[in-house]
Amino acid sequence: MVRSSLPLELRLVLFPLRRGTGDPTMRQDPDGTWWRATRTPEGPATLRLTRGGPSQVAVQAWGPGARWAVAAAPELVGARDRLDGFAPAGLVGELHRRHPGLRMPRSLAVFEAIVPSILEQKVVGVEARSAWRGLVRALAEPAPGPGRLLLPPEPAALRAHPGWAFHRLGVELKRANTVRMAATYGRRLDALADLEAVEARRRLELLPGVGPWTAAMVAAVALGDADAVPVGDIHLPHMVAWAMAGEPRGSDERMLELLAPYPGHRGRVLRLLAMSGLSAPRRGPRMPLRRIQRH
């Protein structure tokens, strides 16, 4: 049983780790149970996480990596997240009171987080989620246990996956090469979890094709980084400007200015604002879906 000193709601904590409702590596059952397939340093594992109380989570695991996965479960569900220095006011304070169980997850699985984050670069969410599902199924290995999940792809399998196969999934050569580049580092990337979040993000940004946006997306779920801000996002600056200042358009600079009162917790504020449902007024058509595989 995992116990937290702070309120903990599994849905709010684990939602960012799941890449859409059809993610073959992770799902939520109607009763609120969460299943997650992962590759640990000791081998593949499947986790089953259920709410045991306002600040408790019951954990079961299967597979060669079960022992490691259970030991890391407190990090995964945000039980070691801390609110030191976080003094929210106004809308942020109201959202914090409304969602007290929002904790920052720390999966420790940097490589598993970077692959879908690369697929999400500069495309609409539905396109990225479709590519992730296709990639997992193309390289499918059943996860251990009764969860009926698939394991995230191994680095070696991704390195060997040809460009034309990525193309069929709607992933152009640039993102495909970035995925394969990350796969050359493979599980060595997981060692970044031992560093301070700022240094880990800096090192991630040294990888070709990985900029501040991707590094922040990885840090937010793999490193428990409550201060990660994905600079370069298409929508976030507008959402922040509208929610916090009533301004319909924003920029990265304005977003950082509005988040400045929350040092160490800017990523947490973004999570709360995203849950508010507030979005800036649209000034043009939505970004269209591309059909790369047809060209």
Protein backbone atom coordinates (compact mmCIF):
# COMPACT_ATOMS: atom_id res chain seq x y z
CA MET A 1 0.00 0.00 0.00
CA VAL A 2 1.33 3.45 -0.97
CA ARG A 3 0.53 6.22 1.49
CA SER A 4 0.86 9.93 0.79
CA SER A 5 1.00 12.83 3.23
CA LEU A 6 -1.06 14.83 0.73
CA PRO A 7 -4.40 14.05 -0.93
CA LEU A 8 -3.90 11.88 -3.98
CA GLU A 9 -6.34 11.21 -6.83
CA LEU A 10 -5.09 8.59 -9.28
CA ARG A 11 -6.97 9.95 -12.28
CA LEU A 12 -5.40 13.38 -11.93
CA VAL A 13 -1.92 12.01 -11.31
CA LEU A 14 -1.72 9.36 -14.01
CA PHE A 15 -3.66 11.05 -16.81
CA PRO A 16 -0.55 12.73 -18.36
CA LEU A 17 1.21 9.36 -18.63
CA ARG A 18 -1.49 7.82 -20.81
CA ARG A 19 -1.32 8.77 -24.49
CA GLY A 20 -5.02 8.84 -25.25
CA THR A 21 -7.79 6.46 -24.26
CA GLY A 22 -6.55 3.85 -26.75
CA ASP A 23 -2.98 3.69 -25.39
CA PRO A 24 -2.08 -0.05 -25.55
CA THR A 25 0.42 0.35 -22.68
CA MET A 26 -1.93 1.94 -20.14
CA ARG A 27 -5.63 2.15 -19.33
CA GLN A 28 -8.19 3.09 -16.71
CA ASP A 29 -11.06 0.71 -15.95
CA PRO A 30 -14.60 2.00 -15.25
CA ASP A 31 -14.13 1.29 -11.53
CA GLY A 32 -11.12 3.65 -11.39
CA THR A 33 -8.44 0.95 -11.47
CA TRP A 34 -5.33 1.86 -13.48
CA TRP A 35 -3.10 -0.57 -15.37
CA ARG A 36 0.37 0.31 -16.65
CA ALA A 37 2.89 -1.75 -18.61
CA THR A 38 6.53 -0.74 -18.36
CA ARG A 39 10.09 -1.99 -18.74
CA THR A 40 12.07 -1.71 -15.53
CA PRO A 41 15.80 -2.24 -14.92
CA GLU A 42 14.84 -5.76 -13.75
CA GLY A 43 12.58 -6.60 -16.71
CA PRO A 44 9.01 -6.07 -17.96
CA ALA A 45 6.23 -5.43 -15.47
CA THR A 46 2.52 -4.69 -15.30
CA LEU A 47 1.18 -2.54 -12.47
CA ARG A 48 -2.37 -2.49 -11.12
CA LEU A 49 -3.17 0.62 -9.08
CA THR A 50 -6.38 1.09 -7.11
CA ARG A 51 -7.54 3.76 -4.70
CA GLY A 52 -7.27 2.61 -1.12
CA GLY A 53 -8.39 5.85 0.54
CA PRO A 54 -8.04 9.64 0.14
CA SER A 55 -4.25 9.36 0.36
CA GLN A 56 -3.66 5.66 -0.25
CA VAL A 57 -3.09 3.49 -3.33
CA ALA A 58 -3.07 -0.29 -3.41
CA VAL A 59 -0.40 -1.72 -5.74
CA GLN A 60 -0.07 -5.11 -7.43
CA ALA A 61 2.50 -6.09 -10.04
CA TRP A 62 3.39 -8.97 -12.34
CA GLY A 63 6.47 -9.90 -14.33
CA PRO A 64 10.25 -10.01 -13.81
CA GLY A 65 10.24 -6.28 -12.98
CA ALA A 66 7.40 -6.52 -10.46
CA ARG A 67 9.57 -5.96 -7.37
CA TRP A 68 11.19 -2.87 -8.88
CA ALA A 69 7.84 -1.49 -10.09
CA VAL A 70 6.24 -1.85 -6.65
CA ALA A 71 9.22 -0.17 -4.99
CA ALA A 72 8.97 2.74 -7.45
CA ALA A 73 5.17 3.06 -7.17
CA PRO A 74 5.26 5.92 -4.60
CA GLU A 75 7.20 7.99 -7.13
CA LEU A 76 4.85 7.02 -9.96
CA VAL A 77 1.68 8.10 -8.17
CA GLY A 78 3.17 11.33 -6.81
CA ALA A 79 3.21 10.27 -3.17
CA ARG A 80 6.51 12.09 -2.72
CA ASP A 81 5.37 15.27 -4.43
CA ARG A 82 5.72 18.36 -2.24
CA LEU A 83 3.99 21.75 -2.16
CA ASP A 84 6.79 23.66 -0.44
CA GLY A 85 6.69 27.30 -1.54
CA PHE A 86 3.43 26.91 -3.44
CA ALA A 87 1.04 29.70 -2.38
CA PRO A 88 -1.64 29.85 -5.08
CA ALA A 89 -4.01 32.80 -5.29
CA GLY A 90 -6.93 33.85 -7.43
CA LEU A 91 -7.97 31.36 -10.10
CA VAL A 92 -4.96 29.13 -9.43
CA GLY A 93 -5.87 28.98 -5.74
CA GLU A 94 -9.48 28.11 -6.55
CA LEU A 95 -8.39 25.32 -8.91
CA HIS A 96 -5.96 24.00 -6.31
CA ARG A 97 -8.76 23.84 -3.74
CA ARG A 98 -11.06 22.19 -6.26
CA HIS A 99 -8.48 19.53 -7.19
CA PRO A 100 -6.46 18.85 -4.02
CA GLY A 101 -5.48 15.36 -5.22
CA LEU A 102 -3.43 16.56 -8.18
CA ARG A 103 0.12 15.33 -7.66
CA MET A 104 3.04 15.30 -10.10
CA PRO A 105 3.93 11.77 -11.27
CA ARG A 106 7.53 10.56 -11.45
CA SER A 107 7.70 7.40 -13.54
CA LEU A 108 11.55 7.35 -13.65
CA ALA A 109 11.13 5.95 -17.20
CA VAL A 110 12.74 8.73 -19.24
CA PHE A 111 13.12 6.71 -22.42
CA GLU A 112 9.50 5.54 -22.32
CA ALA A 113 8.39 9.16 -21.96
CA ILE A 114 10.58 10.63 -24.67
CA VAL A 115 9.34 8.47 -27.56
CA PRO A 116 5.66 9.53 -27.45
CA SER A 117 6.74 13.09 -26.65
CA ILE A 118 8.77 13.19 -29.86
CA LEU A 119 5.77 11.88 -31.77
CA GLU A 120 3.76 14.82 -30.36
CA GLN A 121 6.14 17.45 -31.74
CA LYS A 122 4.26 20.06 -33.82
CA VAL A 123 1.26 17.86 -34.65
CA VAL A 124 -2.29 17.67 -33.34
CA GLY A 125 -2.90 15.32 -30.45
CA VAL A 126 -5.06 12.83 -32.33
CA GLU A 127 -2.32 12.36 -34.92
CA ALA A 128 0.38 11.78 -32.31
CA ARG A 129 -1.77 9.33 -30.33
CA SER A 130 -2.55 7.38 -33.49
CA ALA A 131 1.17 7.15 -34.31
CA TRP A 132 1.97 5.95 -30.78
CA ARG A 133 -0.71 3.24 -30.91
CA GLY A 134 0.52 2.10 -34.31
CA LEU A 135 4.15 2.01 -33.21
CA VAL A 136 3.39 -0.03 -30.08
CA ARG A 137 1.27 -2.51 -32.02
CA ALA A 138 3.83 -2.81 -34.82
CA LEU A 139 6.48 -3.81 -32.28
CA ALA A 140 4.05 -5.54 -29.94
CA GLU A 141 5.11 -7.66 -26.99
CA PRO A 142 2.40 -8.69 -24.52
CA ALA A 143 2.92 -7.32 -21.04
CA PRO A 144 3.03 -9.83 -18.17
CA GLY A 145 0.02 -10.47 -15.98
CA PRO A 146 -3.74 -10.18 -16.52
CA GLY A 147 -3.87 -6.57 -17.71
CA ARG A 148 -4.10 -7.33 -21.47
CA LEU A 149 -1.60 -4.57 -22.23
CA LEU A 150 1.35 -4.26 -24.60
CA LEU A 151 4.83 -3.26 -23.52
CA PRO A 152 6.40 0.00 -24.73
CA PRO A 153 8.82 -0.68 -27.60
CA GLU A 154 12.39 -1.70 -26.81
CA PRO A 155 15.14 0.73 -27.91
CA ALA A 156 16.68 -1.91 -30.20
CA ALA A 157 13.36 -2.46 -31.99
CA LEU A 158 12.93 1.28 -32.54
CA ARG A 159 16.47 1.67 -33.87
CA ALA A 160 15.77 -1.06 -36.41
CA HIS A 161 12.34 0.25 -37.42
CA PRO A 162 12.74 1.57 -41.01
CA GLY A 163 11.72 5.03 -42.15
CA TRP A 164 9.03 3.73 -44.48
CA ALA A 165 7.37 1.94 -41.53
CA PHE A 166 7.24 5.21 -39.57
CA HIS A 167 5.87 6.88 -42.69
CA ARG A 168 2.97 4.42 -42.78
CA LEU A 169 2.09 5.53 -39.25
CA GLY A 170 1.98 9.19 -40.28
CA VAL A 171 5.42 10.06 -38.90
CA GLU A 172 7.67 12.03 -41.24
CA LEU A 173 11.42 11.40 -41.49
CA LYS A 174 12.46 14.15 -39.05
CA ARG A 175 10.48 12.77 -36.10
CA ALA A 176 11.31 9.19 -37.10
CA ASN A 177 15.03 9.98 -37.02
CA THR A 178 14.68 11.72 -33.66
CA VAL A 179 12.97 8.65 -32.21
CA ARG A 180 15.71 6.39 -33.56
CA MET A 181 18.38 8.77 -32.28
CA ALA A 182 16.87 8.63 -28.77
CA ALA A 183 16.79 4.85 -29.09
CA THR A 184 20.56 4.80 -29.58
CA TYR A 185 20.84 6.08 -26.00
CA GLY A 186 18.06 3.76 -24.88
CA ARG A 187 17.79 3.02 -21.19
CA ARG A 188 20.83 5.17 -20.44
CA LEU A 189 18.42 8.10 -20.58
CA ASP A 190 16.71 6.75 -17.47
CA ALA A 191 19.81 7.71 -15.48
CA LEU A 192 18.73 11.35 -15.90
CA ALA A 193 16.17 10.67 -13.16
CA ASP A 194 19.08 10.74 -10.69
CA LEU A 195 19.84 14.40 -11.54
CA GLU A 196 18.19 17.62 -10.48
CA ALA A 197 15.32 18.40 -12.84
CA VAL A 198 16.94 21.53 -14.30
CA GLU A 199 20.13 19.63 -15.17
CA ALA A 200 18.16 16.68 -16.55
CA ARG A 201 16.21 18.99 -18.86
CA ARG A 202 19.44 20.65 -19.98
CA ARG A 203 20.94 17.30 -20.92
CA LEU A 204 17.80 16.22 -22.74
CA GLU A 205 18.00 19.38 -24.83
CA LEU A 206 21.49 18.35 -25.98
CA LEU A 207 19.94 15.48 -27.95
CA PRO A 208 19.44 16.31 -31.65
CA GLY A 209 15.79 17.05 -32.33
CA VAL A 210 14.93 17.51 -28.65
CA GLY A 211 14.23 21.10 -27.62
CA PRO A 212 12.77 22.81 -24.53
CA TRP A 213 9.23 21.70 -25.37
CA THR A 214 10.05 17.99 -25.57
CA ALA A 215 12.39 18.12 -22.58
CA ALA A 216 9.68 19.74 -20.45
CA MET A 217 7.05 17.20 -21.54
CA VAL A 218 9.37 14.37 -20.53
CA ALA A 219 10.38 16.00 -17.25
CA ALA A 220 6.76 16.56 -16.24
CA VAL A 221 5.94 12.84 -16.25
CA ALA A 222 9.23 10.99 -15.86
CA LEU A 223 11.02 13.28 -13.40
CA GLY A 224 8.14 14.66 -11.34
CA ASP A 225 9.25 18.14 -12.37
CA ALA A 226 6.61 20.52 -11.03
CA ASP A 227 8.36 23.47 -12.68
CA ALA A 228 8.53 22.13 -16.26
CA VAL A 229 7.13 24.60 -18.80
CA PRO A 230 6.91 23.42 -22.44
CA VAL A 231 8.06 26.60 -24.16
CA GLY A 232 7.18 26.57 -27.85
CA ASP A 233 3.71 25.10 -27.45
CA ILE A 234 1.07 26.29 -29.91
CA HIS A 235 -1.81 26.63 -27.45
CA LEU A 236 -0.44 26.97 -23.90
CA PRO A 237 0.59 30.65 -24.05
CA HIS A 238 -2.90 31.63 -25.22
CA MET A 239 -4.56 29.51 -22.52
CA VAL A 240 -2.38 31.02 -19.78
CA ALA A 241 -2.86 34.60 -21.02
CA TRP A 242 -6.63 34.16 -21.23
CA ALA A 243 -7.06 32.36 -17.90
CA MET A 244 -4.72 34.53 -15.84
CA ALA A 245 -5.00 37.94 -17.52
CA GLY A 246 -8.08 37.86 -19.74
CA GLU A 247 -5.89 38.37 -22.81
CA PRO A 248 -7.02 36.37 -25.88
CA ARG A 249 -3.50 35.96 -27.29
CA GLY A 250 -0.27 35.16 -25.54
CA SER A 251 3.40 34.48 -26.24
CA ASP A 252 6.01 32.35 -24.51
CA GLU A 253 7.39 35.51 -22.90
CA ARG A 254 3.98 36.55 -21.59
CA MET A 255 3.27 33.03 -20.34
CA LEU A 256 6.52 32.96 -18.38
CA GLU A 257 5.76 36.41 -16.97
CA LEU A 258 2.34 35.30 -15.72
CA LEU A 259 3.79 32.09 -14.24
CA ALA A 260 6.67 33.92 -12.53
CA PRO A 261 4.87 34.19 -9.13
CA TYR A 262 5.01 30.38 -8.89
CA PRO A 263 8.72 29.44 -9.03
CA GLY A 264 9.24 25.72 -8.69
CA HIS A 265 5.58 25.05 -9.46
CA ARG A 266 4.96 26.54 -12.90
CA GLY A 267 4.25 23.14 -14.42
CA ARG A 268 1.79 22.42 -11.62
CA VAL A 269 -0.02 25.66 -12.42
CA LEU A 270 -0.23 24.64 -16.09
CA ARG A 271 -1.81 21.33 -15.08
CA LEU A 272 -4.38 23.14 -12.96
CA LEU A 273 -5.18 25.67 -15.67
CA ALA A 274 -5.59 22.89 -18.23
CA MET A 275 -8.14 21.23 -15.96
CA SER A 276 -10.15 24.45 -15.71
CA GLY A 277 -11.51 23.98 -19.21
CA LEU A 278 -10.68 27.58 -20.06
CA SER A 279 -9.35 28.15 -23.56
CA ALA A 280 -8.58 31.33 -25.42
CA PRO A 281 -11.06 32.46 -28.11
CA ARG A 282 -10.17 31.00 -31.48
CA ARG A 283 -9.06 33.32 -34.26
CA GLY A 284 -8.71 30.82 -37.05
CA PRO A 285 -9.34 27.22 -38.09
CA ARG A 286 -7.96 24.34 -36.10
CA MET A 287 -4.66 22.87 -37.17
CA PRO A 288 -5.56 20.32 -39.87
CA LEU A 289 -4.84 16.63 -39.67
CA ARG A 290 -2.10 15.58 -42.07
CA ARG A 291 -2.04 12.36 -44.07
CA ILE A 292 1.71 11.82 -44.37
CA GLN A 293 1.34 8.14 -45.19
CA ARG A 294 -0.48 9.01 -48.41
CA HIS A 295 2.46 10.92 -49.85
